[in-house]
Amino acid sequence: MSLLDIFEAIEYDKESWGLDDFCKMDPVYCVLDHILQMARNEIDEVLGYDFINDLTCGLEFNTHGNFMCSSYDFSDEAKGELTQRLDEASSEQLRQLRDNSFVAYFLEQVEIDITEPT
């Protein structure tokens, strides 16, 4: 993620929230939420599974804003369902996901490992 991408993500959130300036913005939240959405798009493209809208357990992944303590919030059920879908993926699909920096970072943050076994 480039510096320009970060500024664009923050500017997008500022405008969509109807704020006049950046004083009340949580830049960490903006970046984490951008990463979540990019990872979501890539996983959906590769696996055909939208881990926010297609969850059967009804408890989704979210970005929790708390300024410098922003993080991802999710249930064990949501993590388990995403893990199951990843376990069912082909080697090529997993390679594609591992090569995507947004997916790699997101999965690391939610403690899902898709590294190749040694």
PDB file of N, CA and C in Angstrom:
ATOM      1  N   MET A   1       0.858  -1.167   0.000  1.00  0.00           N
ATOM      2  CA  MET A   1       0.000   0.000   0.000  1.00  0.00           C
ATOM      3  C   MET A   1       0.900   1.225   0.000  1.00  0.00           C
ATOM      4  N   SER A   2       0.721   2.055  -0.987  1.00  0.00           N
ATOM      5  CA  SER A   2       1.554   3.242  -1.095  1.00  0.00           C
ATOM      6  C   SER A   2       0.997   4.360  -0.209  1.00  0.00           C
ATOM      7  N   LEU A   3       1.807   5.369  -0.020  1.00  0.00           N
ATOM      8  CA  LEU A   3       1.372   6.529   0.743  1.00  0.00           C
ATOM      9  C   LEU A   3       0.171   7.191   0.073  1.00  0.00           C
ATOM     10  N   LEU A   4       0.168   7.233  -1.246  1.00  0.00           N
ATOM     11  CA  LEU A   4      -0.960   7.795  -1.984  1.00  0.00           C
ATOM     12  C   LEU A   4      -2.232   6.988  -1.707  1.00  0.00           C
ATOM     13  N   ASP A   5      -2.124   5.656  -1.668  1.00  0.00           N
ATOM     14  CA  ASP A   5      -3.283   4.810  -1.351  1.00  0.00           C
ATOM     15  C   ASP A   5      -3.824   5.125   0.039  1.00  0.00           C
ATOM     16  N   ILE A   6      -2.930   5.348   0.987  1.00  0.00           N
ATOM     17  CA  ILE A   6      -3.343   5.663   2.356  1.00  0.00           C
ATOM     18  C   ILE A   6      -4.109   6.985   2.385  1.00  0.00           C
ATOM     19  N   PHE A   7      -3.552   8.001   1.731  1.00  0.00           N
ATOM     20  CA  PHE A   7      -4.231   9.299   1.704  1.00  0.00           C
ATOM     21  C   PHE A   7      -5.585   9.205   0.997  1.00  0.00           C
ATOM     22  N   GLU A   8      -5.645   8.434  -0.075  1.00  0.00           N
ATOM     23  CA  GLU A   8      -6.909   8.275  -0.791  1.00  0.00           C
ATOM     24  C   GLU A   8      -7.948   7.560   0.073  1.00  0.00           C
ATOM     25  N   ALA A   9      -7.527   6.542   0.822  1.00  0.00           N
ATOM     26  CA  ALA A   9      -8.451   5.820   1.706  1.00  0.00           C
ATOM     27  C   ALA A   9      -8.979   6.747   2.795  1.00  0.00           C
ATOM     28  N   ILE A  10      -8.100   7.552   3.373  1.00  0.00           N
ATOM     29  CA  ILE A  10      -8.517   8.483   4.425  1.00  0.00           C
ATOM     30  C   ILE A  10      -9.436   9.558   3.845  1.00  0.00           C
ATOM     31  N   GLU A  11      -9.084  10.094   2.693  1.00  0.00           N
ATOM     32  CA  GLU A  11      -9.916  11.117   2.045  1.00  0.00           C
ATOM     33  C   GLU A  11     -11.298  10.545   1.696  1.00  0.00           C
ATOM     34  N   TYR A  12     -11.323   9.322   1.195  1.00  0.00           N
ATOM     35  CA  TYR A  12     -12.606   8.676   0.860  1.00  0.00           C
ATOM     36  C   TYR A  12     -13.486   8.570   2.105  1.00  0.00           C
ATOM     37  N   ASP A  13     -12.910   8.110   3.217  1.00  0.00           N
ATOM     38  CA  ASP A  13     -13.687   7.983   4.449  1.00  0.00           C
ATOM     39  C   ASP A  13     -14.145   9.344   4.947  1.00  0.00           C
ATOM     40  N   LYS A  14     -13.281  10.335   4.877  1.00  0.00           N
ATOM     41  CA  LYS A  14     -13.644  11.692   5.320  1.00  0.00           C
ATOM     42  C   LYS A  14     -14.871  12.181   4.551  1.00  0.00           C
ATOM     43  N   GLU A  15     -14.855  12.002   3.255  1.00  0.00           N
ATOM     44  CA  GLU A  15     -15.976  12.450   2.429  1.00  0.00           C
ATOM     45  C   GLU A  15     -17.229  11.626   2.677  1.00  0.00           C
ATOM     46  N   SER A  16     -17.076  10.305   2.791  1.00  0.00           N
ATOM     47  CA  SER A  16     -18.265   9.462   2.977  1.00  0.00           C
ATOM     48  C   SER A  16     -18.891   9.658   4.354  1.00  0.00           C
ATOM     49  N   TRP A  17     -18.093  10.080   5.333  1.00  0.00           N
ATOM     50  CA  TRP A  17     -18.627  10.354   6.666  1.00  0.00           C
ATOM     51  C   TRP A  17     -19.134  11.784   6.797  1.00  0.00           C
ATOM     52  N   GLY A  18     -18.931  12.603   5.759  1.00  0.00           N
ATOM     53  CA  GLY A  18     -19.406  13.985   5.774  1.00  0.00           C
ATOM     54  C   GLY A  18     -18.625  14.893   6.696  1.00  0.00           C
ATOM     55  N   LEU A  19     -17.341  14.616   6.884  1.00  0.00           N
ATOM     56  CA  LEU A  19     -16.508  15.450   7.751  1.00  0.00           C
ATOM     57  C   LEU A  19     -15.849  16.562   6.944  1.00  0.00           C
ATOM     58  N   ASP A  20     -15.642  17.712   7.595  1.00  0.00           N
ATOM     59  CA  ASP A  20     -15.012  18.851   6.932  1.00  0.00           C
ATOM     60  C   ASP A  20     -13.486  18.799   6.976  1.00  0.00           C
ATOM     61  N   ASP A  21     -12.947  18.155   8.014  1.00  0.00           N
ATOM     62  CA  ASP A  21     -11.487  18.088   8.134  1.00  0.00           C
ATOM     63  C   ASP A  21     -11.077  16.733   8.698  1.00  0.00           C
ATOM     64  N   PHE A  22      -9.806  16.586   8.896  1.00  0.00           N
ATOM     65  CA  PHE A  22      -9.265  15.301   9.335  1.00  0.00           C
ATOM     66  C   PHE A  22      -9.146  15.174  10.855  1.00  0.00           C
ATOM     67  N   CYS A  23      -9.524  16.211  11.596  1.00  0.00           N
ATOM     68  CA  CYS A  23      -9.306  16.213  13.047  1.00  0.00           C
ATOM     69  C   CYS A  23      -9.981  15.056  13.774  1.00  0.00           C
ATOM     70  N   LYS A  24     -11.120  14.624  13.286  1.00  0.00           N
ATOM     71  CA  LYS A  24     -11.848  13.543  13.964  1.00  0.00           C
ATOM     72  C   LYS A  24     -11.673  12.205  13.262  1.00  0.00           C
ATOM     73  N   MET A  25     -10.741  12.144  12.355  1.00  0.00           N
ATOM     74  CA  MET A  25     -10.496  10.908  11.597  1.00  0.00           C
ATOM     75  C   MET A  25      -9.578   9.980  12.386  1.00  0.00           C
ATOM     76  N   ASP A  26      -9.817   8.694  12.243  1.00  0.00           N
ATOM     77  CA  ASP A  26      -8.933   7.664  12.786  1.00  0.00           C
ATOM     78  C   ASP A  26      -8.189   7.070  11.597  1.00  0.00           C
ATOM     79  N   PRO A  27      -6.962   7.535  11.327  1.00  0.00           N
ATOM     80  CA  PRO A  27      -6.257   7.061  10.134  1.00  0.00           C
ATOM     81  C   PRO A  27      -5.947   5.564  10.170  1.00  0.00           C
ATOM     82  N   VAL A  28      -5.733   5.016  11.354  1.00  0.00           N
ATOM     83  CA  VAL A  28      -5.455   3.584  11.460  1.00  0.00           C
ATOM     84  C   VAL A  28      -6.693   2.795  11.050  1.00  0.00           C
ATOM     85  N   TYR A  29      -7.847   3.228  11.518  1.00  0.00           N
ATOM     86  CA  TYR A  29      -9.095   2.588  11.111  1.00  0.00           C
ATOM     87  C   TYR A  29      -9.245   2.626   9.588  1.00  0.00           C
ATOM     88  N   CYS A  30      -9.006   3.789   9.006  1.00  0.00           N
ATOM     89  CA  CYS A  30      -9.175   3.954   7.553  1.00  0.00           C
ATOM     90  C   CYS A  30      -8.285   2.978   6.789  1.00  0.00           C
ATOM     91  N   VAL A  31      -7.037   2.852   7.217  1.00  0.00           N
ATOM     92  CA  VAL A  31      -6.102   1.951   6.535  1.00  0.00           C
ATOM     93  C   VAL A  31      -6.526   0.499   6.742  1.00  0.00           C
ATOM     94  N   LEU A  32      -6.847   0.123   7.983  1.00  0.00           N
ATOM     95  CA  LEU A  32      -7.257  -1.258   8.241  1.00  0.00           C
ATOM     96  C   LEU A  32      -8.540  -1.616   7.492  1.00  0.00           C
ATOM     97  N   ASP A  33      -9.481  -0.687   7.431  1.00  0.00           N
ATOM     98  CA  ASP A  33     -10.718  -0.976   6.720  1.00  0.00           C
ATOM     99  C   ASP A  33     -10.465  -1.106   5.216  1.00  0.00           C
ATOM    100  N   HIS A  34      -9.568  -0.290   4.686  1.00  0.00           N
ATOM    101  CA  HIS A  34      -9.202  -0.408   3.271  1.00  0.00           C
ATOM    102  C   HIS A  34      -8.575  -1.781   3.002  1.00  0.00           C
ATOM    103  N   ILE A  35      -7.697  -2.212   3.878  1.00  0.00           N
ATOM    104  CA  ILE A  35      -7.061  -3.526   3.731  1.00  0.00           C
ATOM    105  C   ILE A  35      -8.126  -4.625   3.793  1.00  0.00           C
ATOM    106  N   LEU A  36      -9.060  -4.515   4.735  1.00  0.00           N
ATOM    107  CA  LEU A  36     -10.146  -5.491   4.856  1.00  0.00           C
ATOM    108  C   LEU A  36     -10.926  -5.582   3.544  1.00  0.00           C
ATOM    109  N   GLN A  37     -11.293  -4.437   2.990  1.00  0.00           N
ATOM    110  CA  GLN A  37     -12.085  -4.446   1.761  1.00  0.00           C
ATOM    111  C   GLN A  37     -11.297  -4.998   0.570  1.00  0.00           C
ATOM    112  N   MET A  38     -10.023  -4.668   0.479  1.00  0.00           N
ATOM    113  CA  MET A  38      -9.199  -5.182  -0.616  1.00  0.00           C
ATOM    114  C   MET A  38      -9.005  -6.691  -0.477  1.00  0.00           C
ATOM    115  N   ALA A  39      -8.783  -7.175   0.747  1.00  0.00           N
ATOM    116  CA  ALA A  39      -8.645  -8.618   0.982  1.00  0.00           C
ATOM    117  C   ALA A  39      -9.956  -9.327   0.667  1.00  0.00           C
ATOM    118  N   ARG A  40     -11.045  -8.732   1.078  1.00  0.00           N
ATOM    119  CA  ARG A  40     -12.372  -9.288   0.800  1.00  0.00           C
ATOM    120  C   ARG A  40     -12.585  -9.433  -0.704  1.00  0.00           C
ATOM    121  N   ASN A  41     -12.253  -8.397  -1.459  1.00  0.00           N
ATOM    122  CA  ASN A  41     -12.422  -8.439  -2.917  1.00  0.00           C
ATOM    123  C   ASN A  41     -11.566  -9.531  -3.542  1.00  0.00           C
ATOM    124  N   GLU A  42     -10.310  -9.649  -3.104  1.00  0.00           N
ATOM    125  CA  GLU A  42      -9.404 -10.653  -3.684  1.00  0.00           C
ATOM    126  C   GLU A  42      -9.854 -12.070  -3.340  1.00  0.00           C
ATOM    127  N   ILE A  43     -10.235 -12.297  -2.091  1.00  0.00           N
ATOM    128  CA  ILE A  43     -10.697 -13.626  -1.693  1.00  0.00           C
ATOM    129  C   ILE A  43     -11.966 -13.994  -2.452  1.00  0.00           C
ATOM    130  N   ASP A  44     -12.861 -13.036  -2.612  1.00  0.00           N
ATOM    131  CA  ASP A  44     -14.081 -13.289  -3.374  1.00  0.00           C
ATOM    132  C   ASP A  44     -13.751 -13.590  -4.834  1.00  0.00           C
ATOM    133  N   GLU A  45     -12.807 -12.861  -5.394  1.00  0.00           N
ATOM    134  CA  GLU A  45     -12.428 -13.090  -6.793  1.00  0.00           C
ATOM    135  C   GLU A  45     -11.789 -14.468  -6.981  1.00  0.00           C
ATOM    136  N   VAL A  46     -10.933 -14.864  -6.055  1.00  0.00           N
ATOM    137  CA  VAL A  46     -10.198 -16.126  -6.187  1.00  0.00           C
ATOM    138  C   VAL A  46     -11.057 -17.325  -5.793  1.00  0.00           C
ATOM    139  N   LEU A  47     -11.801 -17.209  -4.692  1.00  0.00           N
ATOM    140  CA  LEU A  47     -12.556 -18.354  -4.170  1.00  0.00           C
ATOM    141  C   LEU A  47     -14.048 -18.296  -4.473  1.00  0.00           C
ATOM    142  N   GLY A  48     -14.539 -17.138  -4.904  1.00  0.00           N
ATOM    143  CA  GLY A  48     -15.972 -16.993  -5.087  1.00  0.00           C
ATOM    144  C   GLY A  48     -16.703 -16.976  -3.754  1.00  0.00           C
ATOM    145  N   TYR A  49     -16.038 -16.466  -2.725  1.00  0.00           N
ATOM    146  CA  TYR A  49     -16.594 -16.450  -1.375  1.00  0.00           C
ATOM    147  C   TYR A  49     -16.344 -15.077  -0.763  1.00  0.00           C
ATOM    148  N   ASP A  50     -17.427 -14.355  -0.488  1.00  0.00           N
ATOM    149  CA  ASP A  50     -17.364 -13.043   0.157  1.00  0.00           C
ATOM    150  C   ASP A  50     -17.485 -13.276   1.659  1.00  0.00           C
ATOM    151  N   PHE A  51     -16.371 -13.187   2.369  1.00  0.00           N
ATOM    152  CA  PHE A  51     -16.374 -13.565   3.781  1.00  0.00           C
ATOM    153  C   PHE A  51     -17.137 -12.578   4.681  1.00  0.00           C
ATOM    154  N   ILE A  52     -17.730 -11.557   4.107  1.00  0.00           N
ATOM    155  CA  ILE A  52     -18.602 -10.678   4.890  1.00  0.00           C
ATOM    156  C   ILE A  52     -20.068 -10.968   4.555  1.00  0.00           C
ATOM    157  N   ASN A  53     -20.410 -11.010   3.288  1.00  0.00           N
ATOM    158  CA  ASN A  53     -21.817 -11.218   2.904  1.00  0.00           C
ATOM    159  C   ASN A  53     -22.239 -12.678   2.838  1.00  0.00           C
ATOM    160  N   ASP A  54     -21.303 -13.596   2.606  1.00  0.00           N
ATOM    161  CA  ASP A  54     -21.668 -15.004   2.426  1.00  0.00           C
ATOM    162  C   ASP A  54     -21.579 -15.838   3.703  1.00  0.00           C
ATOM    163  N   LEU A  55     -21.242 -15.239   4.821  1.00  0.00           N
ATOM    164  CA  LEU A  55     -21.146 -15.997   6.067  1.00  0.00           C
ATOM    165  C   LEU A  55     -22.484 -16.621   6.433  1.00  0.00           C
ATOM    166  N   THR A  56     -22.466 -17.878   6.806  1.00  0.00           N
ATOM    167  CA  THR A  56     -23.701 -18.536   7.227  1.00  0.00           C
ATOM    168  C   THR A  56     -23.952 -18.352   8.715  1.00  0.00           C
ATOM    169  N   CYS A  57     -22.905 -18.009   9.464  1.00  0.00           N
ATOM    170  CA  CYS A  57     -23.070 -17.867  10.908  1.00  0.00           C
ATOM    171  C   CYS A  57     -23.612 -16.492  11.292  1.00  0.00           C
ATOM    172  N   GLY A  58     -23.650 -15.550  10.347  1.00  0.00           N
ATOM    173  CA  GLY A  58     -24.234 -14.248  10.614  1.00  0.00           C
ATOM    174  C   GLY A  58     -23.365 -13.287  11.400  1.00  0.00           C
ATOM    175  N   LEU A  59     -22.181 -13.694  11.795  1.00  0.00           N
ATOM    176  CA  LEU A  59     -21.278 -12.827  12.562  1.00  0.00           C
ATOM    177  C   LEU A  59     -20.058 -12.538  11.700  1.00  0.00           C
ATOM    178  N   GLU A  60     -19.930 -11.315  11.234  1.00  0.00           N
ATOM    179  CA  GLU A  60     -18.926 -11.011  10.230  1.00  0.00           C
ATOM    180  C   GLU A  60     -17.652 -10.384  10.789  1.00  0.00           C
ATOM    181  N   PHE A  61     -16.705 -10.210   9.899  1.00  0.00           N
ATOM    182  CA  PHE A  61     -15.478  -9.479  10.196  1.00  0.00           C
ATOM    183  C   PHE A  61     -15.767  -7.988  10.074  1.00  0.00           C
ATOM    184  N   ASN A  62     -15.265  -7.208  11.001  1.00  0.00           N
ATOM    185  CA  ASN A  62     -15.416  -5.760  10.985  1.00  0.00           C
ATOM    186  C   ASN A  62     -14.106  -5.110  11.379  1.00  0.00           C
ATOM    187  N   THR A  63     -13.980  -3.842  11.042  1.00  0.00           N
ATOM    188  CA  THR A  63     -12.858  -3.043  11.520  1.00  0.00           C
ATOM    189  C   THR A  63     -13.355  -2.257  12.718  1.00  0.00           C
ATOM    190  N   HIS A  64     -12.657  -2.388  13.825  1.00  0.00           N
ATOM    191  CA  HIS A  64     -13.018  -1.689  15.057  1.00  0.00           C
ATOM    192  C   HIS A  64     -12.099  -0.486  15.192  1.00  0.00           C
ATOM    193  N   GLY A  65     -12.662   0.708  15.151  1.00  0.00           N
ATOM    194  CA  GLY A  65     -11.863   1.923  15.258  1.00  0.00           C
ATOM    195  C   GLY A  65     -11.642   2.336  16.693  1.00  0.00           C
ATOM    196  N   ASN A  66     -10.396   2.572  17.041  1.00  0.00           N
ATOM    197  CA  ASN A  66     -10.038   3.055  18.369  1.00  0.00           C
ATOM    198  C   ASN A  66      -8.693   3.771  18.279  1.00  0.00           C
ATOM    199  N   PHE A  67      -8.590   4.642  17.285  1.00  0.00           N
ATOM    200  CA  PHE A  67      -7.381   5.382  16.972  1.00  0.00           C
ATOM    201  C   PHE A  67      -6.185   4.442  16.924  1.00  0.00           C
ATOM    202  N   MET A  68      -5.189   4.601  17.724  1.00  0.00           N
ATOM    203  CA  MET A  68      -3.969   3.795  17.570  1.00  0.00           C
ATOM    204  C   MET A  68      -4.165   2.335  17.994  1.00  0.00           C
ATOM    205  N   CYS A  69      -5.310   2.007  18.555  1.00  0.00           N
ATOM    206  CA  CYS A  69      -5.598   0.617  18.939  1.00  0.00           C
ATOM    207  C   CYS A  69      -6.638  -0.008  18.019  1.00  0.00           C
ATOM    208  N   SER A  70      -6.846   0.550  16.846  1.00  0.00           N
ATOM    209  CA  SER A  70      -7.801  -0.027  15.907  1.00  0.00           C
ATOM    210  C   SER A  70      -7.374  -1.440  15.543  1.00  0.00           C
ATOM    211  N   SER A  71      -8.355  -2.275  15.291  1.00  0.00           N
ATOM    212  CA  SER A  71      -8.054  -3.676  14.976  1.00  0.00           C
ATOM    213  C   SER A  71      -9.256  -4.295  14.284  1.00  0.00           C
ATOM    214  N   TYR A  72      -9.122  -5.569  13.933  1.00  0.00           N
ATOM    215  CA  TYR A  72     -10.238  -6.311  13.355  1.00  0.00           C
ATOM    216  C   TYR A  72     -11.021  -6.980  14.466  1.00  0.00           C
ATOM    217  N   ASP A  73     -12.324  -6.989  14.314  1.00  0.00           N
ATOM    218  CA  ASP A  73     -13.220  -7.620  15.261  1.00  0.00           C
ATOM    219  C   ASP A  73     -13.964  -8.719  14.504  1.00  0.00           C
ATOM    220  N   PHE A  74     -14.020  -9.898  15.091  1.00  0.00           N
ATOM    221  CA  PHE A  74     -14.643 -11.029  14.405  1.00  0.00           C
ATOM    222  C   PHE A  74     -14.976 -12.109  15.422  1.00  0.00           C
ATOM    223  N   SER A  75     -15.883 -12.961  15.045  1.00  0.00           N
ATOM    224  CA  SER A  75     -16.254 -14.065  15.927  1.00  0.00           C
ATOM    225  C   SER A  75     -15.425 -15.301  15.578  1.00  0.00           C
ATOM    226  N   ASP A  76     -15.390 -16.239  16.496  1.00  0.00           N
ATOM    227  CA  ASP A  76     -14.728 -17.518  16.230  1.00  0.00           C
ATOM    228  C   ASP A  76     -15.408 -18.249  15.081  1.00  0.00           C
ATOM    229  N   GLU A  77     -16.740 -18.095  14.999  1.00  0.00           N
ATOM    230  CA  GLU A  77     -17.489 -18.747  13.931  1.00  0.00           C
ATOM    231  C   GLU A  77     -17.095 -18.192  12.561  1.00  0.00           C
ATOM    232  N   ALA A  78     -16.970 -16.864  12.471  1.00  0.00           N
ATOM    233  CA  ALA A  78     -16.575 -16.236  11.200  1.00  0.00           C
ATOM    234  C   ALA A  78     -15.172 -16.672  10.805  1.00  0.00           C
ATOM    235  N   LYS A  79     -14.265 -16.699  11.777  1.00  0.00           N
ATOM    236  CA  LYS A  79     -12.897 -17.143  11.508  1.00  0.00           C
ATOM    237  C   LYS A  79     -12.896 -18.606  11.069  1.00  0.00           C
ATOM    238  N   GLY A  80     -13.674 -19.438  11.738  1.00  0.00           N
ATOM    239  CA  GLY A  80     -13.738 -20.849  11.387  1.00  0.00           C
ATOM    240  C   GLY A  80     -14.280 -21.077   9.990  1.00  0.00           C
ATOM    241  N   GLU A  81     -15.303 -20.304   9.615  1.00  0.00           N
ATOM    242  CA  GLU A  81     -15.892 -20.473   8.288  1.00  0.00           C
ATOM    243  C   GLU A  81     -14.909 -20.033   7.196  1.00  0.00           C
ATOM    244  N   LEU A  82     -14.215 -18.913   7.418  1.00  0.00           N
ATOM    245  CA  LEU A  82     -13.218 -18.471   6.438  1.00  0.00           C
ATOM    246  C   LEU A  82     -12.070 -19.476   6.359  1.00  0.00           C
ATOM    247  N   THR A  83     -11.641 -19.984   7.492  1.00  0.00           N
ATOM    248  CA  THR A  83     -10.568 -20.988   7.510  1.00  0.00           C
ATOM    249  C   THR A  83     -10.978 -22.229   6.735  1.00  0.00           C
ATOM    250  N   GLN A  84     -12.212 -22.667   6.910  1.00  0.00           N
ATOM    251  CA  GLN A  84     -12.707 -23.844   6.184  1.00  0.00           C
ATOM    252  C   GLN A  84     -12.678 -23.606   4.680  1.00  0.00           C
ATOM    253  N   ARG A  85     -13.113 -22.440   4.251  1.00  0.00           N
ATOM    254  CA  ARG A  85     -13.090 -22.122   2.815  1.00  0.00           C
ATOM    255  C   ARG A  85     -11.661 -22.108   2.281  1.00  0.00           C
ATOM    256  N   LEU A  86     -10.746 -21.588   3.053  1.00  0.00           N
ATOM    257  CA  LEU A  86      -9.343 -21.565   2.633  1.00  0.00           C
ATOM    258  C   LEU A  86      -8.764 -22.975   2.598  1.00  0.00           C
ATOM    259  N   ASP A  87      -9.180 -23.817   3.537  1.00  0.00           N
ATOM    260  CA  ASP A  87      -8.718 -25.210   3.562  1.00  0.00           C
ATOM    261  C   ASP A  87      -9.194 -25.983   2.333  1.00  0.00           C
ATOM    262  N   GLU A  88     -10.318 -25.582   1.770  1.00  0.00           N
ATOM    263  CA  GLU A  88     -10.873 -26.238   0.588  1.00  0.00           C
ATOM    264  C   GLU A  88     -10.291 -25.703  -0.720  1.00  0.00           C
ATOM    265  N   ALA A  89      -9.484 -24.657  -0.635  1.00  0.00           N
ATOM    266  CA  ALA A  89      -8.919 -24.019  -1.840  1.00  0.00           C
ATOM    267  C   ALA A  89      -7.810 -24.877  -2.438  1.00  0.00           C
ATOM    268  N   SER A  90      -7.622 -24.715  -3.734  1.00  0.00           N
ATOM    269  CA  SER A  90      -6.537 -25.422  -4.420  1.00  0.00           C
ATOM    270  C   SER A  90      -5.195 -24.764  -4.089  1.00  0.00           C
ATOM    271  N   SER A  91      -4.121 -25.460  -4.376  1.00  0.00           N
ATOM    272  CA  SER A  91      -2.773 -24.913  -4.161  1.00  0.00           C
ATOM    273  C   SER A  91      -2.576 -23.620  -4.943  1.00  0.00           C
ATOM    274  N   GLU A  92      -3.081 -23.595  -6.177  1.00  0.00           N
ATOM    275  CA  GLU A  92      -2.948 -22.394  -7.010  1.00  0.00           C
ATOM    276  C   GLU A  92      -3.731 -21.225  -6.418  1.00  0.00           C
ATOM    277  N   GLN A  93      -4.928 -21.479  -5.920  1.00  0.00           N
ATOM    278  CA  GLN A  93      -5.716 -20.415  -5.303  1.00  0.00           C
ATOM    279  C   GLN A  93      -5.010 -19.876  -4.053  1.00  0.00           C
ATOM    280  N   LEU A  94      -4.471 -20.772  -3.244  1.00  0.00           N
ATOM    281  CA  LEU A  94      -3.753 -20.334  -2.040  1.00  0.00           C
ATOM    282  C   LEU A  94      -2.513 -19.527  -2.397  1.00  0.00           C
ATOM    283  N   ARG A  95      -1.806 -19.939  -3.446  1.00  0.00           N
ATOM    284  CA  ARG A  95      -0.634 -19.188  -3.887  1.00  0.00           C
ATOM    285  C   ARG A  95      -1.041 -17.787  -4.305  1.00  0.00           C
ATOM    286  N   GLN A  96      -2.133 -17.695  -5.048  1.00  0.00           N
ATOM    287  CA  GLN A  96      -2.632 -16.393  -5.491  1.00  0.00           C
ATOM    288  C   GLN A  96      -2.969 -15.509  -4.288  1.00  0.00           C
ATOM    289  N   LEU A  97      -3.591 -16.076  -3.277  1.00  0.00           N
ATOM    290  CA  LEU A  97      -3.950 -15.310  -2.090  1.00  0.00           C
ATOM    291  C   LEU A  97      -2.718 -14.922  -1.284  1.00  0.00           C
ATOM    292  N   ARG A  98      -1.775 -15.829  -1.150  1.00  0.00           N
ATOM    293  CA  ARG A  98      -0.536 -15.523  -0.422  1.00  0.00           C
ATOM    294  C   ARG A  98       0.234 -14.389  -1.080  1.00  0.00           C
ATOM    295  N   ASP A  99       0.171 -14.312  -2.401  1.00  0.00           N
ATOM    296  CA  ASP A  99       0.909 -13.299  -3.146  1.00  0.00           C
ATOM    297  C   ASP A  99       0.268 -11.914  -3.061  1.00  0.00           C
ATOM    298  N   ASN A 100      -0.929 -11.824  -2.549  1.00  0.00           N
ATOM    299  CA  ASN A 100      -1.610 -10.544  -2.431  1.00  0.00           C
ATOM    300  C   ASN A 100      -1.303  -9.948  -1.057  1.00  0.00           C
ATOM    301  N   SER A 101      -0.684  -8.785  -1.030  1.00  0.00           N
ATOM    302  CA  SER A 101      -0.254  -8.200   0.243  1.00  0.00           C
ATOM    303  C   SER A 101      -1.429  -7.843   1.155  1.00  0.00           C
ATOM    304  N   PHE A 102      -2.571  -7.456   0.588  1.00  0.00           N
ATOM    305  CA  PHE A 102      -3.733  -7.143   1.416  1.00  0.00           C
ATOM    306  C   PHE A 102      -4.258  -8.395   2.108  1.00  0.00           C
ATOM    307  N   VAL A 103      -4.374  -9.482   1.352  1.00  0.00           N
ATOM    308  CA  VAL A 103      -4.853 -10.748   1.914  1.00  0.00           C
ATOM    309  C   VAL A 103      -3.872 -11.252   2.963  1.00  0.00           C
ATOM    310  N   ALA A 104      -2.597 -11.222   2.631  1.00  0.00           N
ATOM    311  CA  ALA A 104      -1.574 -11.715   3.567  1.00  0.00           C
ATOM    312  C   ALA A 104      -1.634 -10.952   4.891  1.00  0.00           C
ATOM    313  N   TYR A 105      -1.731  -9.639   4.831  1.00  0.00           N
ATOM    314  CA  TYR A 105      -1.778  -8.839   6.058  1.00  0.00           C
ATOM    315  C   TYR A 105      -3.068  -9.110   6.837  1.00  0.00           C
ATOM    316  N   PHE A 106      -4.199  -9.104   6.140  1.00  0.00           N
ATOM    317  CA  PHE A 106      -5.474  -9.342   6.822  1.00  0.00           C
ATOM    318  C   PHE A 106      -5.483 -10.691   7.519  1.00  0.00           C
ATOM    319  N   LEU A 107      -5.095 -11.745   6.796  1.00  0.00           N
ATOM    320  CA  LEU A 107      -5.115 -13.086   7.397  1.00  0.00           C
ATOM    321  C   LEU A 107      -4.148 -13.191   8.572  1.00  0.00           C
ATOM    322  N   GLU A 108      -3.014 -12.509   8.478  1.00  0.00           N
ATOM    323  CA  GLU A 108      -2.070 -12.492   9.606  1.00  0.00           C
ATOM    324  C   GLU A 108      -2.723 -11.847  10.825  1.00  0.00           C
ATOM    325  N   GLN A 109      -3.447 -10.759  10.615  1.00  0.00           N
ATOM    326  CA  GLN A 109      -4.083 -10.040  11.728  1.00  0.00           C
ATOM    327  C   GLN A 109      -5.210 -10.832  12.380  1.00  0.00           C
ATOM    328  N   VAL A 110      -5.891 -11.667  11.615  1.00  0.00           N
ATOM    329  CA  VAL A 110      -6.972 -12.483  12.193  1.00  0.00           C
ATOM    330  C   VAL A 110      -6.481 -13.894  12.529  1.00  0.00           C
ATOM    331  N   GLU A 111      -5.175 -14.066  12.471  1.00  0.00           N
ATOM    332  CA  GLU A 111      -4.500 -15.303  12.883  1.00  0.00           C
ATOM    333  C   GLU A 111      -4.951 -16.522  12.095  1.00  0.00           C
ATOM    334  N   ILE A 112      -5.002 -16.359  10.759  1.00  0.00           N
ATOM    335  CA  ILE A 112      -5.260 -17.472   9.865  1.00  0.00           C
ATOM    336  C   ILE A 112      -4.012 -17.666   9.016  1.00  0.00           C
ATOM    337  N   ASP A 113      -3.456 -18.863   9.069  1.00  0.00           N
ATOM    338  CA  ASP A 113      -2.206 -19.169   8.385  1.00  0.00           C
ATOM    339  C   ASP A 113      -2.477 -19.952   7.107  1.00  0.00           C
ATOM    340  N   ILE A 114      -2.024 -19.410   5.974  1.00  0.00           N
ATOM    341  CA  ILE A 114      -2.147 -20.154   4.715  1.00  0.00           C
ATOM    342  C   ILE A 114      -0.771 -20.351   4.081  1.00  0.00           C
ATOM    343  N   THR A 115       0.256 -20.355   4.915  1.00  0.00           N
ATOM    344  CA  THR A 115       1.593 -20.601   4.369  1.00  0.00           C
ATOM    345  C   THR A 115       1.699 -22.046   3.930  1.00  0.00           C
ATOM    346  N   GLU A 116       2.594 -22.263   2.989  1.00  0.00           N
ATOM    347  CA  GLU A 116       2.812 -23.632   2.513  1.00  0.00           C
ATOM    348  C   GLU A 116       3.485 -24.449   3.596  1.00  0.00           C
ATOM    349  N   PRO A 117       3.059 -25.693   3.779  1.00  0.00           N
ATOM    350  CA  PRO A 117       3.710 -26.544   4.775  1.00  0.00           C
ATOM    351  C   PRO A 117       5.160 -26.812   4.354  1.00  0.00           C
ATOM    352  N   THR A 118       6.030 -26.877   5.344  1.00  0.00           N
ATOM    353  CA  THR A 118       7.456 -27.142   5.047  1.00  0.00           C
ATOM    354  C   THR A 118       7.775 -28.604   5.085  1.00  0.00           C
TER     355      THR A 118
END
